[in-house]
């Protein structure tokens, strides 16, 4: 129910929200757009630097497995 915010769901007692296949489908859509842009000579979309992604992954790991 996209029209219901996370705060509203929490107020209703919801403790877990699932995105289902949305992240996968969004990633495939982004990959297709990159391929189409490269094929047609258009500029590829902006992407995070590898160092930024590494920092995000390390931070995520810290939050997911606290000491």
PDB file of N, CA and C in Angstrom:
ATOM      1  N   UNK A   1       0.843  -1.178   0.000  1.00  0.00           N
ATOM      2  CA  UNK A   1       0.000   0.000   0.000  1.00  0.00           C
ATOM      3  C   UNK A   1       0.889   1.241   0.000  1.00  0.00           C
ATOM      4  N   UNK A   2       1.337   1.695  -1.148  1.00  0.00           N
ATOM      5  CA  UNK A   2       2.267   2.829  -1.220  1.00  0.00           C
ATOM      6  C   UNK A   2       1.725   4.119  -0.622  1.00  0.00           C
ATOM      7  N   UNK A   3       0.395   4.255  -0.532  1.00  0.00           N
ATOM      8  CA  UNK A   3      -0.166   5.484  -0.002  1.00  0.00           C
ATOM      9  C   UNK A   3      -0.086   5.560   1.524  1.00  0.00           C
ATOM     10  N   UNK A   4       0.333   4.489   2.166  1.00  0.00           N
ATOM     11  CA  UNK A   4       0.467   4.469   3.622  1.00  0.00           C
ATOM     12  C   UNK A   4       1.954   4.612   3.960  1.00  0.00           C
ATOM     13  N   UNK A   5       2.282   5.593   4.796  1.00  0.00           N
ATOM     14  CA  UNK A   5       3.684   5.834   5.142  1.00  0.00           C
ATOM     15  C   UNK A   5       4.179   4.816   6.167  1.00  0.00           C
ATOM     16  N   UNK A   6       5.492   4.729   6.299  1.00  0.00           N
ATOM     17  CA  UNK A   6       6.066   3.836   7.310  1.00  0.00           C
ATOM     18  C   UNK A   6       5.637   4.253   8.710  1.00  0.00           C
ATOM     19  N   UNK A   7       5.555   5.556   8.953  1.00  0.00           N
ATOM     20  CA  UNK A   7       5.119   6.045  10.268  1.00  0.00           C
ATOM     21  C   UNK A   7       3.683   5.602  10.555  1.00  0.00           C
ATOM     22  N   UNK A   8       2.813   5.688   9.557  1.00  0.00           N
ATOM     23  CA  UNK A   8       1.432   5.243   9.744  1.00  0.00           C
ATOM     24  C   UNK A   8       1.366   3.741  10.009  1.00  0.00           C
ATOM     25  N   UNK A   9       2.159   2.996   9.288  1.00  0.00           N
ATOM     26  CA  UNK A   9       2.186   1.545   9.520  1.00  0.00           C
ATOM     27  C   UNK A   9       2.671   1.231  10.935  1.00  0.00           C
ATOM     28  N   UNK A  10       3.693   1.950  11.379  1.00  0.00           N
ATOM     29  CA  UNK A  10       4.200   1.741  12.745  1.00  0.00           C
ATOM     30  C   UNK A  10       3.120   2.061  13.765  1.00  0.00           C
ATOM     31  N   UNK A  11       2.379   3.136  13.537  1.00  0.00           N
ATOM     32  CA  UNK A  11       1.281   3.490  14.447  1.00  0.00           C
ATOM     33  C   UNK A  11       0.215   2.402  14.496  1.00  0.00           C
ATOM     34  N   UNK A  12       0.077   1.670  13.402  1.00  0.00           N
ATOM     35  CA  UNK A  12      -0.890   0.568  13.346  1.00  0.00           C
ATOM     36  C   UNK A  12      -0.343  -0.722  13.952  1.00  0.00           C
ATOM     37  N   UNK A  13       0.932  -0.692  14.364  1.00  0.00           N
ATOM     38  CA  UNK A  13       1.530  -1.865  14.986  1.00  0.00           C
ATOM     39  C   UNK A  13       2.369  -2.726  14.059  1.00  0.00           C
ATOM     40  N   UNK A  14       2.555  -2.289  12.824  1.00  0.00           N
ATOM     41  CA  UNK A  14       3.369  -3.055  11.879  1.00  0.00           C
ATOM     42  C   UNK A  14       4.829  -2.956  12.306  1.00  0.00           C
ATOM     43  N   UNK A  15       5.496  -4.097  12.383  1.00  0.00           N
ATOM     44  CA  UNK A  15       6.886  -4.120  12.822  1.00  0.00           C
ATOM     45  C   UNK A  15       7.856  -4.493  11.716  1.00  0.00           C
ATOM     46  N   UNK A  16       7.336  -4.986  10.606  1.00  0.00           N
ATOM     47  CA  UNK A  16       8.218  -5.414   9.516  1.00  0.00           C
ATOM     48  C   UNK A  16       7.556  -5.073   8.190  1.00  0.00           C
ATOM     49  N   UNK A  17       8.337  -4.498   7.277  1.00  0.00           N
ATOM     50  CA  UNK A  17       7.840  -4.156   5.949  1.00  0.00           C
ATOM     51  C   UNK A  17       8.736  -4.838   4.927  1.00  0.00           C
ATOM     52  N   UNK A  18       8.130  -5.452   3.940  1.00  0.00           N
ATOM     53  CA  UNK A  18       8.876  -6.121   2.886  1.00  0.00           C
ATOM     54  C   UNK A  18       8.689  -5.377   1.573  1.00  0.00           C
ATOM     55  N   UNK A  19       9.763  -5.281   0.822  1.00  0.00           N
ATOM     56  CA  UNK A  19       9.680  -4.656  -0.498  1.00  0.00           C
ATOM     57  C   UNK A  19       9.479  -5.686  -1.595  1.00  0.00           C
ATOM     58  N   UNK A  20       9.442  -6.951  -1.228  1.00  0.00           N
ATOM     59  CA  UNK A  20       9.250  -7.998  -2.231  1.00  0.00           C
ATOM     60  C   UNK A  20      10.343  -7.938  -3.288  1.00  0.00           C
ATOM     61  N   UNK A  21       9.945  -7.999  -4.529  1.00  0.00           N
ATOM     62  CA  UNK A  21      10.916  -8.013  -5.624  1.00  0.00           C
ATOM     63  C   UNK A  21      11.245  -6.616  -6.144  1.00  0.00           C
ATOM     64  N   UNK A  22      10.747  -5.560  -5.499  1.00  0.00           N
ATOM     65  CA  UNK A  22      10.966  -4.210  -5.998  1.00  0.00           C
ATOM     66  C   UNK A  22      12.443  -3.856  -6.190  1.00  0.00           C
ATOM     67  N   UNK A  23      13.344  -4.116  -5.223  1.00  0.00           N
ATOM     68  CA  UNK A  23      14.755  -3.769  -5.455  1.00  0.00           C
ATOM     69  C   UNK A  23      15.342  -4.494  -6.670  1.00  0.00           C
ATOM     70  N   UNK A  24      15.006  -5.754  -6.845  1.00  0.00           N
ATOM     71  CA  UNK A  24      15.500  -6.507  -8.000  1.00  0.00           C
ATOM     72  C   UNK A  24      14.974  -5.907  -9.299  1.00  0.00           C
ATOM     73  N   UNK A  25      13.668  -5.634  -9.352  1.00  0.00           N
ATOM     74  CA  UNK A  25      13.072  -5.086 -10.568  1.00  0.00           C
ATOM     75  C   UNK A  25      13.625  -3.704 -10.877  1.00  0.00           C
ATOM     76  N   UNK A  26      13.865  -2.889  -9.849  1.00  0.00           N
ATOM     77  CA  UNK A  26      14.433  -1.555 -10.054  1.00  0.00           C
ATOM     78  C   UNK A  26      15.867  -1.657 -10.571  1.00  0.00           C
ATOM     79  N   UNK A  27      16.629  -2.612 -10.052  1.00  0.00           N
ATOM     80  CA  UNK A  27      18.012  -2.802 -10.507  1.00  0.00           C
ATOM     81  C   UNK A  27      18.049  -3.248 -11.966  1.00  0.00           C
ATOM     82  N   UNK A  28      17.166  -4.146 -12.352  1.00  0.00           N
ATOM     83  CA  UNK A  28      17.110  -4.594 -13.747  1.00  0.00           C
ATOM     84  C   UNK A  28      16.742  -3.422 -14.652  1.00  0.00           C
ATOM     85  N   UNK A  29      15.774  -2.613 -14.229  1.00  0.00           N
ATOM     86  CA  UNK A  29      15.375  -1.446 -15.024  1.00  0.00           C
ATOM     87  C   UNK A  29      16.553  -0.491 -15.200  1.00  0.00           C
ATOM     88  N   UNK A  30      17.316  -0.267 -14.132  1.00  0.00           N
ATOM     89  CA  UNK A  30      18.484   0.624 -14.213  1.00  0.00           C
ATOM     90  C   UNK A  30      19.539   0.037 -15.154  1.00  0.00           C
ATOM     91  N   UNK A  31      19.770  -1.265 -15.082  1.00  0.00           N
ATOM     92  CA  UNK A  31      20.762  -1.903 -15.951  1.00  0.00           C
ATOM     93  C   UNK A  31      20.354  -1.791 -17.418  1.00  0.00           C
ATOM     94  N   UNK A  32      19.075  -1.965 -17.696  1.00  0.00           N
ATOM     95  CA  UNK A  32      18.582  -1.850 -19.069  1.00  0.00           C
ATOM     96  C   UNK A  32      18.785  -0.418 -19.571  1.00  0.00           C
ATOM     97  N   UNK A  33      18.488   0.577 -18.732  1.00  0.00           N
ATOM     98  CA  UNK A  33      18.672   1.974 -19.135  1.00  0.00           C
ATOM     99  C   UNK A  33      20.134   2.274 -19.455  1.00  0.00           C
ATOM    100  N   UNK A  34      21.054   1.749 -18.639  1.00  0.00           N
ATOM    101  CA  UNK A  34      22.485   1.949 -18.902  1.00  0.00           C
ATOM    102  C   UNK A  34      22.842   1.356 -20.259  1.00  0.00           C
ATOM    103  N   UNK A  35      22.424   0.127 -20.507  1.00  0.00           N
ATOM    104  CA  UNK A  35      22.742  -0.531 -21.778  1.00  0.00           C
ATOM    105  C   UNK A  35      22.149   0.237 -22.958  1.00  0.00           C
ATOM    106  N   UNK A  36      20.909   0.704 -22.817  1.00  0.00           N
ATOM    107  CA  UNK A  36      20.284   1.464 -23.896  1.00  0.00           C
ATOM    108  C   UNK A  36      21.028   2.777 -24.143  1.00  0.00           C
ATOM    109  N   UNK A  37      21.409   3.462 -23.081  1.00  0.00           N
ATOM    110  CA  UNK A  37      22.139   4.723 -23.236  1.00  0.00           C
ATOM    111  C   UNK A  37      23.480   4.505 -23.929  1.00  0.00           C
ATOM    112  N   UNK A  38      24.188   3.477 -23.552  1.00  0.00           N
ATOM    113  CA  UNK A  38      25.486   3.208 -24.167  1.00  0.00           C
ATOM    114  C   UNK A  38      25.302   2.846 -25.641  1.00  0.00           C
ATOM    115  N   UNK A  39      24.293   2.042 -25.921  1.00  0.00           N
ATOM    116  CA  UNK A  39      24.043   1.635 -27.310  1.00  0.00           C
ATOM    117  C   UNK A  39      23.693   2.824 -28.198  1.00  0.00           C
ATOM    118  N   UNK A  40      22.947   3.783 -27.664  1.00  0.00           N
ATOM    119  CA  UNK A  40      22.506   4.918 -28.479  1.00  0.00           C
ATOM    120  C   UNK A  40      23.469   6.098 -28.422  1.00  0.00           C
ATOM    121  N   UNK A  41      24.517   5.991 -27.610  1.00  0.00           N
ATOM    122  CA  UNK A  41      25.481   7.078 -27.507  1.00  0.00           C
ATOM    123  C   UNK A  41      25.112   8.140 -26.494  1.00  0.00           C
ATOM    124  N   UNK A  42      24.037   7.919 -25.753  1.00  0.00           N
ATOM    125  CA  UNK A  42      23.639   8.867 -24.705  1.00  0.00           C
ATOM    126  C   UNK A  42      24.539   8.675 -23.487  1.00  0.00           C
ATOM    127  N   UNK A  43      24.565   9.674 -22.646  1.00  0.00           N
ATOM    128  CA  UNK A  43      25.374   9.576 -21.424  1.00  0.00           C
ATOM    129  C   UNK A  43      24.748   8.582 -20.460  1.00  0.00           C
ATOM    130  N   UNK A  44      25.566   7.744 -19.845  1.00  0.00           N
ATOM    131  CA  UNK A  44      25.013   6.839 -18.838  1.00  0.00           C
ATOM    132  C   UNK A  44      24.600   7.635 -17.602  1.00  0.00           C
ATOM    133  N   UNK A  45      23.677   7.117 -16.816  1.00  0.00           N
ATOM    134  CA  UNK A  45      23.253   7.827 -15.614  1.00  0.00           C
ATOM    135  C   UNK A  45      24.396   7.911 -14.598  1.00  0.00           C
ATOM    136  N   UNK A  46      24.291   8.860 -13.705  1.00  0.00           N
ATOM    137  CA  UNK A  46      25.290   8.998 -12.651  1.00  0.00           C
ATOM    138  C   UNK A  46      25.291   7.745 -11.768  1.00  0.00           C
ATOM    139  N   UNK A  47      26.457   7.417 -11.266  1.00  0.00           N
ATOM    140  CA  UNK A  47      26.584   6.258 -10.385  1.00  0.00           C
ATOM    141  C   UNK A  47      27.535   6.609  -9.251  1.00  0.00           C
ATOM    142  N   UNK A  48      27.324   5.975  -8.119  1.00  0.00           N
ATOM    143  CA  UNK A  48      28.179   6.210  -6.965  1.00  0.00           C
ATOM    144  C   UNK A  48      29.586   5.669  -7.235  1.00  0.00           C
ATOM    145  N   UNK A  49      30.563   6.333  -6.690  1.00  0.00           N
ATOM    146  CA  UNK A  49      31.954   5.875  -6.808  1.00  0.00           C
ATOM    147  C   UNK A  49      32.138   4.581  -6.013  1.00  0.00           C
ATOM    148  N   UNK A  50      33.092   3.762  -6.446  1.00  0.00           N
ATOM    149  CA  UNK A  50      33.359   2.507  -5.734  1.00  0.00           C
ATOM    150  C   UNK A  50      33.662   2.748  -4.259  1.00  0.00           C
ATOM    151  N   UNK A  51      34.436   3.782  -3.965  1.00  0.00           N
ATOM    152  CA  UNK A  51      34.793   4.052  -2.561  1.00  0.00           C
ATOM    153  C   UNK A  51      33.551   4.381  -1.740  1.00  0.00           C
ATOM    154  N   UNK A  52      32.616   5.093  -2.339  1.00  0.00           N
ATOM    155  CA  UNK A  52      31.372   5.411  -1.647  1.00  0.00           C
ATOM    156  C   UNK A  52      30.562   4.139  -1.380  1.00  0.00           C
ATOM    157  N   UNK A  53      30.499   3.267  -2.366  1.00  0.00           N
ATOM    158  CA  UNK A  53      29.772   2.006  -2.192  1.00  0.00           C
ATOM    159  C   UNK A  53      30.419   1.144  -1.115  1.00  0.00           C
ATOM    160  N   UNK A  54      31.752   1.106  -1.095  1.00  0.00           N
ATOM    161  CA  UNK A  54      32.456   0.327  -0.078  1.00  0.00           C
ATOM    162  C   UNK A  54      32.135   0.864   1.315  1.00  0.00           C
ATOM    163  N   UNK A  55      32.133   2.186   1.458  1.00  0.00           N
ATOM    164  CA  UNK A  55      31.797   2.802   2.741  1.00  0.00           C
ATOM    165  C   UNK A  55      30.382   2.432   3.166  1.00  0.00           C
ATOM    166  N   UNK A  56      29.448   2.480   2.219  1.00  0.00           N
ATOM    167  CA  UNK A  56      28.060   2.105   2.533  1.00  0.00           C
ATOM    168  C   UNK A  56      27.967   0.656   2.997  1.00  0.00           C
ATOM    169  N   UNK A  57      28.662  -0.245   2.292  1.00  0.00           N
ATOM    170  CA  UNK A  57      28.603  -1.659   2.654  1.00  0.00           C
ATOM    171  C   UNK A  57      29.213  -1.920   4.022  1.00  0.00           C
ATOM    172  N   UNK A  58      30.324  -1.273   4.319  1.00  0.00           N
ATOM    173  CA  UNK A  58      30.956  -1.431   5.631  1.00  0.00           C
ATOM    174  C   UNK A  58      30.029  -0.909   6.725  1.00  0.00           C
ATOM    175  N   UNK A  59      29.427   0.254   6.493  1.00  0.00           N
ATOM    176  CA  UNK A  59      28.508   0.823   7.477  1.00  0.00           C
ATOM    177  C   UNK A  59      27.282  -0.072   7.672  1.00  0.00           C
ATOM    178  N   UNK A  60      26.748  -0.606   6.584  1.00  0.00           N
ATOM    179  CA  UNK A  60      25.625  -1.519   6.677  1.00  0.00           C
ATOM    180  C   UNK A  60      25.984  -2.745   7.501  1.00  0.00           C
ATOM    181  N   UNK A  61      27.185  -3.283   7.266  1.00  0.00           N
ATOM    182  CA  UNK A  61      27.641  -4.461   8.012  1.00  0.00           C
ATOM    183  C   UNK A  61      27.745  -4.141   9.502  1.00  0.00           C
ATOM    184  N   UNK A  62      28.227  -2.945   9.829  1.00  0.00           N
ATOM    185  CA  UNK A  62      28.310  -2.541  11.243  1.00  0.00           C
ATOM    186  C   UNK A  62      26.933  -2.482  11.898  1.00  0.00           C
ATOM    187  N   UNK A  63      25.970  -1.951  11.158  1.00  0.00           N
ATOM    188  CA  UNK A  63      24.607  -1.828  11.714  1.00  0.00           C
ATOM    189  C   UNK A  63      23.930  -3.195  11.811  1.00  0.00           C
ATOM    190  N   UNK A  64      24.216  -4.062  10.863  1.00  0.00           N
ATOM    191  CA  UNK A  64      23.559  -5.380  10.818  1.00  0.00           C
ATOM    192  C   UNK A  64      24.124  -6.348  11.843  1.00  0.00           C
ATOM    193  N   UNK A  65      25.380  -6.179  12.218  1.00  0.00           N
ATOM    194  CA  UNK A  65      25.995  -7.105  13.179  1.00  0.00           C
ATOM    195  C   UNK A  65      26.745  -6.328  14.263  1.00  0.00           C
ATOM    196  N   UNK A  66      25.981  -5.721  15.206  1.00  0.00           N
ATOM    197  CA  UNK A  66      26.652  -4.948  16.266  1.00  0.00           C
ATOM    198  C   UNK A  66      27.472  -5.865  17.169  1.00  0.00           C
ATOM    199  N   UNK A  67      28.519  -5.300  17.733  1.00  0.00           N
ATOM    200  CA  UNK A  67      29.393  -6.093  18.629  1.00  0.00           C
ATOM    201  C   UNK A  67      28.735  -6.432  19.916  1.00  0.00           C
TER     202      UNK A  67
END
